[in-house]
Amino acid sequence: MVLPNESVPRCDKAITKYTKIIETDPRNAVAYNARAEAYINKGEYTKAIVDCTKAIEFDPKSAQAYMNRGIAHTKLGEIDSAQVDFKKAKELGYKV
């Protein structure tokens, strides 16, 4: 879901905030995942996938990161990749 234009500044603020956290703690999976959510909300799905992949690298049990990456893949029409991520998120206990 892409937010209305008035929500873009909030996404930009979140992206800036989490980027600063990542700069000081480059292995912070939570910050990567949170920034990915902001990218998803802004419609920047490729950037979201990159951040989710980093979050998963640092926390392979992050069901939320798999779910977010699946959402981003879906938005890009990459259905097979999305299904793999959604399945993994469910295996890790993600609840809808």
Protein backbone atom coordinates (compact mmCIF):
# COMPACT_ATOMS: atom_id res chain seq x y z
CA MET A 1 0.00 0.00 0.00
CA VAL A 2 1.38 3.36 -0.97
CA LEU A 3 0.42 6.15 1.38
CA PRO A 4 -1.11 9.42 0.22
CA ASN A 5 1.34 12.19 -0.60
CA GLU A 6 0.84 13.89 2.78
CA SER A 7 2.24 10.76 4.46
CA VAL A 8 5.49 10.80 2.47
CA PRO A 9 7.19 13.26 4.87
CA ARG A 10 6.50 10.86 7.76
CA CYS A 11 8.08 8.04 5.78
CA ASP A 12 11.05 10.23 4.95
CA LYS A 13 11.49 11.09 8.63
CA ALA A 14 11.35 7.41 9.55
CA ILE A 15 13.86 6.53 6.83
CA THR A 16 16.24 9.23 8.09
CA LYS A 17 15.81 8.07 11.69
CA TYR A 18 16.49 4.41 10.94
CA THR A 19 19.36 5.25 8.59
CA LYS A 20 21.08 7.07 11.46
CA ILE A 21 20.55 4.06 13.73
CA ILE A 22 22.00 1.75 11.06
CA GLU A 23 25.01 4.04 10.66
CA THR A 24 25.80 3.69 14.37
CA ASP A 25 24.78 0.02 14.62
CA PRO A 26 25.14 -1.58 11.17
CA ARG A 27 23.95 -4.99 12.40
CA ASN A 28 20.66 -3.70 13.83
CA ALA A 29 18.09 -5.99 12.22
CA VAL A 30 15.18 -4.14 13.83
CA ALA A 31 16.26 -0.84 12.27
CA TYR A 32 16.65 -2.43 8.83
CA ASN A 33 13.18 -3.94 9.11
CA ALA A 34 11.63 -0.69 10.32
CA ARG A 35 13.25 1.25 7.48
CA ALA A 36 11.97 -1.40 5.06
CA GLU A 37 8.43 -0.78 6.30
CA ALA A 38 8.85 2.93 5.61
CA TYR A 39 10.13 2.14 2.13
CA ILE A 40 7.10 -0.12 1.52
CA ASN A 41 4.75 2.61 2.67
CA LYS A 42 6.51 5.04 0.33
CA GLY A 43 6.32 2.63 -2.60
CA GLU A 44 10.07 2.01 -2.79
CA TYR A 45 9.82 -1.76 -2.92
CA THR A 46 13.29 -2.60 -4.21
CA LYS A 47 14.88 -0.66 -1.35
CA ALA A 48 12.55 -2.45 1.06
CA ILE A 49 13.69 -5.84 -0.24
CA VAL A 50 17.34 -4.87 0.25
CA ASP A 51 16.66 -3.80 3.84
CA CYS A 52 14.58 -6.89 4.64
CA THR A 53 17.36 -9.08 3.29
CA LYS A 54 19.84 -7.32 5.58
CA ALA A 55 17.47 -7.73 8.53
CA ILE A 56 17.18 -11.45 7.77
CA GLU A 57 20.96 -11.72 7.47
CA PHE A 58 21.37 -10.35 10.99
CA ASP A 59 18.25 -12.02 12.46
CA PRO A 60 17.28 -15.11 10.45
CA LYS A 61 14.32 -15.75 12.75
CA SER A 62 12.63 -12.41 12.03
CA ALA A 63 9.21 -13.44 10.80
CA GLN A 64 8.31 -9.77 10.30
CA ALA A 65 11.26 -9.22 7.95
CA TYR A 66 10.19 -12.18 5.83
CA MET A 67 6.62 -10.89 5.78
CA ASN A 68 7.72 -7.40 4.77
CA ARG A 69 9.97 -8.76 2.06
CA GLY A 70 7.09 -10.86 0.79
CA ILE A 71 4.88 -7.78 0.63
CA ALA A 72 7.53 -5.89 -1.32
CA HIS A 73 7.98 -8.81 -3.74
CA THR A 74 4.21 -8.92 -4.23
CA LYS A 75 4.09 -5.21 -5.04
CA LEU A 76 6.76 -5.79 -7.69
CA GLY A 77 4.83 -8.72 -9.15
CA GLU A 78 7.42 -11.24 -7.95
CA ILE A 79 4.82 -13.71 -6.74
CA ASP A 80 7.05 -16.81 -6.49
CA SER A 81 9.55 -14.97 -4.29
CA ALA A 82 6.72 -13.54 -2.22
CA GLN A 83 5.23 -16.97 -1.59
CA VAL A 84 8.59 -18.29 -0.38
CA ASP A 85 8.88 -15.39 2.08
CA PHE A 86 5.28 -15.70 3.29
CA LYS A 87 5.78 -19.41 3.90
CA LYS A 88 8.96 -18.75 5.89
CA ALA A 89 7.24 -16.01 7.92
CA LYS A 90 4.46 -18.44 8.81
CA GLU A 91 6.98 -21.15 9.76
CA LEU A 92 8.65 -18.64 12.08
CA GLY A 93 5.33 -17.91 13.78
CA TYR A 94 4.03 -14.83 11.98
CA LYS A 95 0.39 -14.32 12.88
CA VAL A 96 -1.97 -12.42 10.58
